[in-house]
């Protein structure tokens, strides 16, 4: 998904973008700025957990429970090349082992990686983002799964590009 410059909008500072994003996520997500994961620093980390359960007569008699989680990692780059993009996606993939806790009740976890740039990157990076796909099942799906969304947002021209999974939330992260 791509969006281009919307006339009349002015370039935004990254700190303003973080403030705007925090205000959008504040009601549902736990937020942490300057989050360090495996020696990789993210500007913002957000996590959301929901648990639904079915019970009979009383809450102690649970028939089943389902947990869904979302984890969002936001990182600002002045410029990004293929090496930096690969390091970013590798860190997101490794984050699954750190943040996702598969269990009998775990249904799904989504990792959202948001790359923020001042200007539009080269076409190779854009194509790589559009083609990016990652899915991991736990215990053949009996303990749920994890997917990764990738979004790239630019400050100066209000451009956004996502992978297929990222389209679901592009409005939340757009400027």
Protein backbone atom coordinates (compact mmCIF):
# COMPACT_ATOMS: atom_id res chain seq x y z
CA UNK A 1 0.00 0.00 0.00
CA UNK A 2 1.37 3.40 -0.90
CA UNK A 3 0.26 6.91 -0.15
CA UNK A 4 1.89 9.99 -1.50
CA UNK A 5 2.21 13.60 -0.39
CA UNK A 6 -1.05 15.17 0.62
CA UNK A 7 -1.09 18.81 -0.43
CA UNK A 8 -1.18 21.35 2.37
CA UNK A 9 0.58 19.14 4.93
CA UNK A 10 3.86 20.32 6.37
CA UNK A 11 6.83 18.15 7.29
CA UNK A 12 6.55 16.74 10.78
CA UNK A 13 9.30 16.36 13.35
CA UNK A 14 9.92 12.84 14.63
CA UNK A 15 9.19 13.84 18.24
CA UNK A 16 5.78 15.13 17.11
CA UNK A 17 5.14 11.88 15.29
CA UNK A 18 6.00 9.87 18.42
CA UNK A 19 3.69 12.06 20.51
CA UNK A 20 0.86 11.60 17.99
CA UNK A 21 1.44 7.86 17.83
CA UNK A 22 1.49 7.58 21.62
CA UNK A 23 -1.80 9.45 21.86
CA UNK A 24 -3.36 7.03 19.34
CA UNK A 25 -2.08 3.93 21.16
CA UNK A 26 -2.33 5.15 24.78
CA UNK A 27 -5.78 3.73 25.53
CA UNK A 28 -4.97 0.13 24.60
CA UNK A 29 -1.19 -0.28 24.65
CA UNK A 30 1.51 -0.18 27.31
CA UNK A 31 4.15 2.24 25.97
CA UNK A 32 7.89 2.54 26.54
CA UNK A 33 10.26 5.02 24.92
CA UNK A 34 13.92 4.18 24.21
CA UNK A 35 13.39 0.44 24.44
CA UNK A 36 16.48 -1.77 24.21
CA UNK A 37 16.10 -5.28 22.78
CA UNK A 38 19.23 -7.40 22.21
CA UNK A 39 21.44 -4.27 22.03
CA UNK A 40 19.13 -2.73 19.41
CA UNK A 41 17.54 0.53 20.48
CA UNK A 42 13.95 1.33 19.46
CA UNK A 43 12.48 4.80 19.88
CA UNK A 44 9.12 3.38 20.98
CA UNK A 45 7.85 -0.01 22.09
CA UNK A 46 4.14 -0.69 22.56
CA UNK A 47 2.45 -3.88 23.69
CA UNK A 48 -1.19 -4.93 23.79
CA UNK A 49 -2.68 -8.07 25.36
CA UNK A 50 -6.24 -9.35 25.30
CA UNK A 51 -7.62 -12.53 26.81
CA UNK A 52 -11.08 -13.94 26.18
CA UNK A 53 -12.46 -16.94 28.00
CA UNK A 54 -15.55 -19.08 28.11
CA UNK A 55 -16.68 -20.50 31.44
CA UNK A 56 -19.56 -22.54 32.85
CA UNK A 57 -21.58 -21.17 35.78
CA UNK A 58 -18.60 -19.61 37.54
CA UNK A 59 -15.34 -18.06 36.38
CA UNK A 60 -13.25 -20.79 38.01
CA UNK A 61 -14.77 -23.36 35.62
CA UNK A 62 -13.06 -22.11 32.47
CA UNK A 63 -13.88 -24.11 29.33
CA UNK A 64 -11.28 -22.37 27.16
CA UNK A 65 -9.30 -19.15 26.92
CA UNK A 66 -7.76 -17.32 23.97
CA UNK A 67 -4.94 -14.78 24.12
CA UNK A 68 -4.06 -12.31 21.36
CA UNK A 69 -1.10 -9.96 21.56
CA UNK A 70 0.44 -7.16 19.55
CA UNK A 71 3.92 -5.71 19.89
CA UNK A 72 5.01 -2.58 18.06
CA UNK A 73 8.60 -1.44 17.55
CA UNK A 74 9.23 2.06 16.12
CA UNK A 75 12.69 3.13 14.91
CA UNK A 76 13.86 6.37 13.28
CA UNK A 77 16.60 6.32 10.62
CA UNK A 78 18.16 9.30 8.81
CA UNK A 79 18.62 6.99 5.80
CA UNK A 80 18.20 3.26 5.42
CA UNK A 81 20.10 0.79 3.26
CA UNK A 82 19.62 -2.94 2.68
CA UNK A 83 21.99 -3.85 5.51
CA UNK A 84 20.13 -1.68 8.05
CA UNK A 85 16.78 -2.99 6.83
CA UNK A 86 18.00 -6.58 7.17
CA UNK A 87 19.27 -5.86 10.70
CA UNK A 88 15.90 -4.29 11.59
CA UNK A 89 13.87 -7.27 10.29
CA UNK A 90 16.27 -9.79 11.87
CA UNK A 91 15.77 -8.03 15.22
CA UNK A 92 11.98 -8.22 14.79
CA UNK A 93 12.21 -11.94 13.99
CA UNK A 94 14.43 -12.54 17.04
CA UNK A 95 12.01 -10.49 19.18
CA UNK A 96 9.44 -13.26 18.79
CA UNK A 97 11.52 -15.46 21.10
CA UNK A 98 11.75 -12.63 23.66
CA UNK A 99 8.22 -11.24 23.75
CA UNK A 100 5.88 -14.02 22.56
CA UNK A 101 5.01 -16.66 25.14
CA UNK A 102 3.28 -19.54 23.34
CA UNK A 103 0.95 -21.62 25.50
CA UNK A 104 -2.23 -23.66 25.19
CA UNK A 105 -4.19 -20.38 25.43
CA UNK A 106 -2.01 -18.33 23.04
CA UNK A 107 -3.77 -17.79 19.72
CA UNK A 108 -1.80 -15.09 17.92
CA UNK A 109 0.86 -12.45 18.29
CA UNK A 110 1.62 -9.75 15.78
CA UNK A 111 4.93 -7.92 15.66
CA UNK A 112 4.65 -4.51 13.98
CA UNK A 113 7.90 -2.87 12.88
CA UNK A 114 7.66 0.80 11.94
CA UNK A 115 10.58 2.44 10.13
CA UNK A 116 10.46 6.23 10.18
CA UNK A 117 12.54 8.26 7.72
CA UNK A 118 12.77 11.94 6.84
CA UNK A 119 12.46 11.23 3.07
CA UNK A 120 11.41 8.44 0.74
CA UNK A 121 14.08 5.68 0.39
CA UNK A 122 15.27 4.10 -2.83
CA UNK A 123 12.95 1.79 -4.75
CA UNK A 124 14.84 -1.36 -3.65
CA UNK A 125 13.90 -0.80 -0.02
CA UNK A 126 10.28 -0.06 -0.96
CA UNK A 127 10.06 -3.26 -3.02
CA UNK A 128 11.68 -5.27 -0.22
CA UNK A 129 9.10 -3.99 2.27
CA UNK A 130 6.19 -4.80 -0.05
CA UNK A 131 7.46 -8.38 -0.49
CA UNK A 132 8.36 -9.01 3.17
CA UNK A 133 6.47 -11.87 4.78
CA UNK A 134 7.08 -13.75 8.01
CA UNK A 135 4.86 -16.26 9.79
CA UNK A 136 5.83 -18.63 12.58
CA UNK A 137 3.63 -21.35 14.09
CA UNK A 138 4.16 -22.79 17.55
CA UNK A 139 3.67 -26.55 18.11
CA UNK A 140 2.06 -26.97 14.67
CA UNK A 141 -0.34 -24.13 15.47
CA UNK A 142 -1.66 -25.70 18.68
CA UNK A 143 0.08 -22.97 20.67
CA UNK A 144 -0.77 -20.22 18.21
CA UNK A 145 1.29 -18.28 15.71
CA UNK A 146 3.14 -15.01 15.13
CA UNK A 147 3.17 -12.70 12.10
CA UNK A 148 5.27 -9.64 11.30
CA UNK A 149 4.01 -6.38 9.82
CA UNK A 150 6.43 -3.86 8.32
CA UNK A 151 5.58 -0.19 7.74
CA UNK A 152 7.74 2.63 6.43
CA UNK A 153 6.62 6.19 7.14
CA UNK A 154 8.33 9.38 5.92
CA UNK A 155 8.19 12.69 7.76
CA UNK A 156 8.70 15.22 4.96
CA UNK A 157 6.36 13.90 2.28
CA UNK A 158 3.90 11.88 4.43
CA UNK A 159 4.53 8.71 2.41
CA UNK A 160 3.70 5.25 3.76
CA UNK A 161 4.43 1.80 2.38
CA UNK A 162 3.62 -1.53 4.02
CA UNK A 163 3.88 -5.23 3.51
CA UNK A 164 0.61 -7.12 3.00
CA UNK A 165 0.00 -7.59 6.75
CA UNK A 166 0.82 -3.94 7.44
CA UNK A 167 -2.11 -2.69 5.35
CA UNK A 168 -4.40 -3.64 8.25
CA UNK A 169 -2.97 -0.86 10.44
CA UNK A 170 -1.56 1.67 7.95
CA UNK A 171 -4.09 4.35 8.97
CA UNK A 172 -2.94 4.20 12.59
CA UNK A 173 0.71 4.82 11.69
CA UNK A 174 0.22 7.28 8.83
CA UNK A 175 0.87 10.97 9.34
